Amino acid sequence: MAKAEIQKITEIDEKVLEGVVESIKSIQYGTVTITVHDGKVTQIETSRKQRYS
């Protein structure tokens, strides 16, 4: 992979980064799945789990 391609992939839109952080903050138990296509985040999915003691 060329250096220019690596730089392209590592550039993350601030809006996308905020979306990932908010997804993580919003759950206590679960999964955050980030889908990437052509080096760009295209989707963020959050799966929450309910825990009962």
PDB file of N, CA and C in Angstrom:
ATOM      1  N   MET A   1       0.847  -1.174   0.000  1.00  0.00           N
ATOM      2  CA  MET A   1       0.000   0.000   0.000  1.00  0.00           C
ATOM      3  C   MET A   1       0.895   1.240   0.000  1.00  0.00           C
ATOM      4  N   ALA A   2       0.626   2.180  -0.867  1.00  0.00           N
ATOM      5  CA  ALA A   2       1.424   3.391  -0.981  1.00  0.00           C
ATOM      6  C   ALA A   2       1.175   4.320   0.198  1.00  0.00           C
ATOM      7  N   LYS A   3       2.134   5.171   0.497  1.00  0.00           N
ATOM      8  CA  LYS A   3       2.029   6.101   1.620  1.00  0.00           C
ATOM      9  C   LYS A   3       0.808   7.016   1.474  1.00  0.00           C
ATOM     10  N   ALA A   4       0.518   7.475   0.278  1.00  0.00           N
ATOM     11  CA  ALA A   4      -0.638   8.351   0.049  1.00  0.00           C
ATOM     12  C   ALA A   4      -1.941   7.645   0.414  1.00  0.00           C
ATOM     13  N   GLU A   5      -2.030   6.358   0.136  1.00  0.00           N
ATOM     14  CA  GLU A   5      -3.223   5.586   0.471  1.00  0.00           C
ATOM     15  C   GLU A   5      -3.364   5.439   1.979  1.00  0.00           C
ATOM     16  N   ILE A   6      -2.275   5.237   2.671  1.00  0.00           N
ATOM     17  CA  ILE A   6      -2.319   5.106   4.126  1.00  0.00           C
ATOM     18  C   ILE A   6      -2.801   6.401   4.755  1.00  0.00           C
ATOM     19  N   GLN A   7      -2.315   7.532   4.285  1.00  0.00           N
ATOM     20  CA  GLN A   7      -2.759   8.822   4.811  1.00  0.00           C
ATOM     21  C   GLN A   7      -4.255   9.005   4.582  1.00  0.00           C
ATOM     22  N   LYS A   8      -4.760   8.613   3.437  1.00  0.00           N
ATOM     23  CA  LYS A   8      -6.177   8.748   3.124  1.00  0.00           C
ATOM     24  C   LYS A   8      -7.024   7.953   4.119  1.00  0.00           C
ATOM     25  N   ILE A   9      -6.586   6.743   4.425  1.00  0.00           N
ATOM     26  CA  ILE A   9      -7.336   5.878   5.319  1.00  0.00           C
ATOM     27  C   ILE A   9      -7.312   6.407   6.749  1.00  0.00           C
ATOM     28  N   THR A  10      -6.219   7.009   7.189  1.00  0.00           N
ATOM     29  CA  THR A  10      -6.116   7.466   8.568  1.00  0.00           C
ATOM     30  C   THR A  10      -6.811   8.792   8.821  1.00  0.00           C
ATOM     31  N   GLU A  11      -7.215   9.500   7.783  1.00  0.00           N
ATOM     32  CA  GLU A  11      -7.965  10.739   7.967  1.00  0.00           C
ATOM     33  C   GLU A  11      -9.399  10.386   8.341  1.00  0.00           C
ATOM     34  N   ILE A  12      -9.847  10.863   9.507  1.00  0.00           N
ATOM     35  CA  ILE A  12     -11.191  10.550   9.978  1.00  0.00           C
ATOM     36  C   ILE A  12     -11.964  11.851  10.144  1.00  0.00           C
ATOM     37  N   ASP A  13     -13.135  11.903   9.554  1.00  0.00           N
ATOM     38  CA  ASP A  13     -14.014  13.057   9.667  1.00  0.00           C
ATOM     39  C   ASP A  13     -14.376  13.261  11.137  1.00  0.00           C
ATOM     40  N   GLU A  14     -14.300  14.489  11.612  1.00  0.00           N
ATOM     41  CA  GLU A  14     -14.607  14.812  13.006  1.00  0.00           C
ATOM     42  C   GLU A  14     -16.024  14.382  13.390  1.00  0.00           C
ATOM     43  N   LYS A  15     -16.959  14.520  12.458  1.00  0.00           N
ATOM     44  CA  LYS A  15     -18.354  14.130  12.698  1.00  0.00           C
ATOM     45  C   LYS A  15     -18.463  12.611  12.934  1.00  0.00           C
ATOM     46  N   VAL A  16     -17.719  11.840  12.175  1.00  0.00           N
ATOM     47  CA  VAL A  16     -17.710  10.380  12.327  1.00  0.00           C
ATOM     48  C   VAL A  16     -17.103  10.012  13.680  1.00  0.00           C
ATOM     49  N   LEU A  17     -16.006  10.648  14.030  1.00  0.00           N
ATOM     50  CA  LEU A  17     -15.352  10.379  15.302  1.00  0.00           C
ATOM     51  C   LEU A  17     -16.291  10.690  16.473  1.00  0.00           C
ATOM     52  N   GLU A  18     -17.003  11.792  16.395  1.00  0.00           N
ATOM     53  CA  GLU A  18     -17.975  12.144  17.432  1.00  0.00           C
ATOM     54  C   GLU A  18     -19.083  11.091  17.517  1.00  0.00           C
ATOM     55  N   GLY A  19     -19.514  10.577  16.378  1.00  0.00           N
ATOM     56  CA  GLY A  19     -20.536   9.534  16.356  1.00  0.00           C
ATOM     57  C   GLY A  19     -20.077   8.259  17.043  1.00  0.00           C
ATOM     58  N   VAL A  20     -18.829   7.890  16.819  1.00  0.00           N
ATOM     59  CA  VAL A  20     -18.268   6.694  17.457  1.00  0.00           C
ATOM     60  C   VAL A  20     -18.187   6.905  18.972  1.00  0.00           C
ATOM     61  N   VAL A  21     -17.680   8.049  19.388  1.00  0.00           N
ATOM     62  CA  VAL A  21     -17.557   8.342  20.819  1.00  0.00           C
ATOM     63  C   VAL A  21     -18.930   8.356  21.488  1.00  0.00           C
ATOM     64  N   GLU A  22     -19.913   8.975  20.873  1.00  0.00           N
ATOM     65  CA  GLU A  22     -21.266   9.015  21.445  1.00  0.00           C
ATOM     66  C   GLU A  22     -21.875   7.622  21.539  1.00  0.00           C
ATOM     67  N   SER A  23     -21.630   6.787  20.550  1.00  0.00           N
ATOM     68  CA  SER A  23     -22.133   5.411  20.584  1.00  0.00           C
ATOM     69  C   SER A  23     -21.551   4.655  21.765  1.00  0.00           C
ATOM     70  N   ILE A  24     -20.269   4.845  22.008  1.00  0.00           N
ATOM     71  CA  ILE A  24     -19.611   4.166  23.117  1.00  0.00           C
ATOM     72  C   ILE A  24     -20.122   4.705  24.456  1.00  0.00           C
ATOM     73  N   LYS A  25     -20.279   6.014  24.555  1.00  0.00           N
ATOM     74  CA  LYS A  25     -20.757   6.617  25.802  1.00  0.00           C
ATOM     75  C   LYS A  25     -22.194   6.217  26.135  1.00  0.00           C
ATOM     76  N   SER A  26     -22.983   5.917  25.123  1.00  0.00           N
ATOM     77  CA  SER A  26     -24.416   5.698  25.335  1.00  0.00           C
ATOM     78  C   SER A  26     -24.768   4.290  25.820  1.00  0.00           C
ATOM     79  N   ILE A  27     -23.798   3.380  25.873  1.00  0.00           N
ATOM     80  CA  ILE A  27     -24.117   2.025  26.305  1.00  0.00           C
ATOM     81  C   ILE A  27     -23.267   1.636  27.515  1.00  0.00           C
ATOM     82  N   GLN A  28     -23.846   0.788  28.361  1.00  0.00           N
ATOM     83  CA  GLN A  28     -23.091   0.256  29.483  1.00  0.00           C
ATOM     84  C   GLN A  28     -22.570  -1.139  29.134  1.00  0.00           C
ATOM     85  N   TYR A  29     -23.409  -1.931  28.457  1.00  0.00           N
ATOM     86  CA  TYR A  29     -23.033  -3.257  27.972  1.00  0.00           C
ATOM     87  C   TYR A  29     -23.497  -3.371  26.529  1.00  0.00           C
ATOM     88  N   GLY A  30     -22.681  -3.910  25.670  1.00  0.00           N
ATOM     89  CA  GLY A  30     -23.091  -4.105  24.287  1.00  0.00           C
ATOM     90  C   GLY A  30     -21.918  -4.046  23.330  1.00  0.00           C
ATOM     91  N   THR A  31     -22.249  -3.748  22.080  1.00  0.00           N
ATOM     92  CA  THR A  31     -21.259  -3.758  21.009  1.00  0.00           C
ATOM     93  C   THR A  31     -21.432  -2.534  20.121  1.00  0.00           C
ATOM     94  N   VAL A  32     -20.320  -1.941  19.731  1.00  0.00           N
ATOM     95  CA  VAL A  32     -20.331  -0.882  18.720  1.00  0.00           C
ATOM     96  C   VAL A  32     -19.579  -1.442  17.516  1.00  0.00           C
ATOM     97  N   THR A  33     -20.277  -1.521  16.371  1.00  0.00           N
ATOM     98  CA  THR A  33     -19.682  -2.048  15.152  1.00  0.00           C
ATOM     99  C   THR A  33     -19.501  -0.900  14.163  1.00  0.00           C
ATOM    100  N   ILE A  34     -18.286  -0.750  13.665  1.00  0.00           N
ATOM    101  CA  ILE A  34     -17.980   0.303  12.695  1.00  0.00           C
ATOM    102  C   ILE A  34     -17.726  -0.367  11.352  1.00  0.00           C
ATOM    103  N   THR A  35     -18.513   0.004  10.349  1.00  0.00           N
ATOM    104  CA  THR A  35     -18.365  -0.546   9.007  1.00  0.00           C
ATOM    105  C   THR A  35     -17.568   0.436   8.152  1.00  0.00           C
ATOM    106  N   VAL A  36     -16.528  -0.083   7.499  1.00  0.00           N
ATOM    107  CA  VAL A  36     -15.654   0.743   6.666  1.00  0.00           C
ATOM    108  C   VAL A  36     -15.720   0.244   5.235  1.00  0.00           C
ATOM    109  N   HIS A  37     -15.850   1.167   4.288  1.00  0.00           N
ATOM    110  CA  HIS A  37     -15.860   0.829   2.864  1.00  0.00           C
ATOM    111  C   HIS A  37     -14.935   1.801   2.151  1.00  0.00           C
ATOM    112  N   ASP A  38     -13.989   1.292   1.417  1.00  0.00           N
ATOM    113  CA  ASP A  38     -13.003   2.120   0.705  1.00  0.00           C
ATOM    114  C   ASP A  38     -12.260   3.068   1.643  1.00  0.00           C
ATOM    115  N   GLY A  39     -11.958   2.603   2.856  1.00  0.00           N
ATOM    116  CA  GLY A  39     -11.203   3.414   3.799  1.00  0.00           C
ATOM    117  C   GLY A  39     -12.002   4.480   4.512  1.00  0.00           C
ATOM    118  N   LYS A  40     -13.325   4.493   4.337  1.00  0.00           N
ATOM    119  CA  LYS A  40     -14.175   5.499   4.982  1.00  0.00           C
ATOM    120  C   LYS A  40     -15.245   4.800   5.803  1.00  0.00           C
ATOM    121  N   VAL A  41     -15.543   5.358   6.973  1.00  0.00           N
ATOM    122  CA  VAL A  41     -16.604   4.815   7.808  1.00  0.00           C
ATOM    123  C   VAL A  41     -17.931   5.087   7.116  1.00  0.00           C
ATOM    124  N   THR A  42     -18.697   4.015   6.899  1.00  0.00           N
ATOM    125  CA  THR A  42     -19.982   4.169   6.229  1.00  0.00           C
ATOM    126  C   THR A  42     -21.158   3.918   7.162  1.00  0.00           C
ATOM    127  N   GLN A  43     -20.884   3.272   8.296  1.00  0.00           N
ATOM    128  CA  GLN A  43     -21.989   2.916   9.178  1.00  0.00           C
ATOM    129  C   GLN A  43     -21.475   2.663  10.589  1.00  0.00           C
ATOM    130  N   ILE A  44     -22.273   3.064  11.586  1.00  0.00           N
ATOM    131  CA  ILE A  44     -21.979   2.766  12.988  1.00  0.00           C
ATOM    132  C   ILE A  44     -23.227   2.105  13.563  1.00  0.00           C
ATOM    133  N   GLU A  45     -23.069   0.882  14.081  1.00  0.00           N
ATOM    134  CA  GLU A  45     -24.187   0.154  14.683  1.00  0.00           C
ATOM    135  C   GLU A  45     -23.917  -0.043  16.165  1.00  0.00           C
ATOM    136  N   THR A  46     -24.952   0.124  16.978  1.00  0.00           N
ATOM    137  CA  THR A  46     -24.839  -0.101  18.414  1.00  0.00           C
ATOM    138  C   THR A  46     -25.828  -1.167  18.822  1.00  0.00           C
ATOM    139  N   SER A  47     -25.342  -2.172  19.537  1.00  0.00           N
ATOM    140  CA  SER A  47     -26.188  -3.240  20.054  1.00  0.00           C
ATOM    141  C   SER A  47     -26.098  -3.173  21.573  1.00  0.00           C
ATOM    142  N   ARG A  48     -27.240  -2.912  22.221  1.00  0.00           N
ATOM    143  CA  ARG A  48     -27.257  -2.799  23.679  1.00  0.00           C
ATOM    144  C   ARG A  48     -27.701  -4.109  24.316  1.00  0.00           C
ATOM    145  N   LYS A  49     -27.181  -4.375  25.504  1.00  0.00           N
ATOM    146  CA  LYS A  49     -27.593  -5.548  26.255  1.00  0.00           C
ATOM    147  C   LYS A  49     -28.106  -5.068  27.595  1.00  0.00           C
ATOM    148  N   GLN A  50     -29.157  -5.703  28.073  1.00  0.00           N
ATOM    149  CA  GLN A  50     -29.716  -5.412  29.393  1.00  0.00           C
ATOM    150  C   GLN A  50     -29.193  -6.446  30.369  1.00  0.00           C
ATOM    151  N   ARG A  51     -28.639  -6.013  31.480  1.00  0.00           N
ATOM    152  CA  ARG A  51     -28.133  -6.922  32.501  1.00  0.00           C
ATOM    153  C   ARG A  51     -28.989  -6.758  33.748  1.00  0.00           C
ATOM    154  N   TYR A  52     -29.389  -7.864  34.338  1.00  0.00           N
ATOM    155  CA  TYR A  52     -30.177  -7.862  35.563  1.00  0.00           C
ATOM    156  C   TYR A  52     -29.451  -8.667  36.618  1.00  0.00           C
ATOM    157  N   SER A  53     -29.373  -8.130  37.800  1.00  0.00           N
ATOM    158  CA  SER A  53     -28.672  -8.838  38.882  1.00  0.00           C
ATOM    159  C   SER A  53     -29.583  -9.798  39.602  1.00  0.00           C
TER     160      SER A  53
END
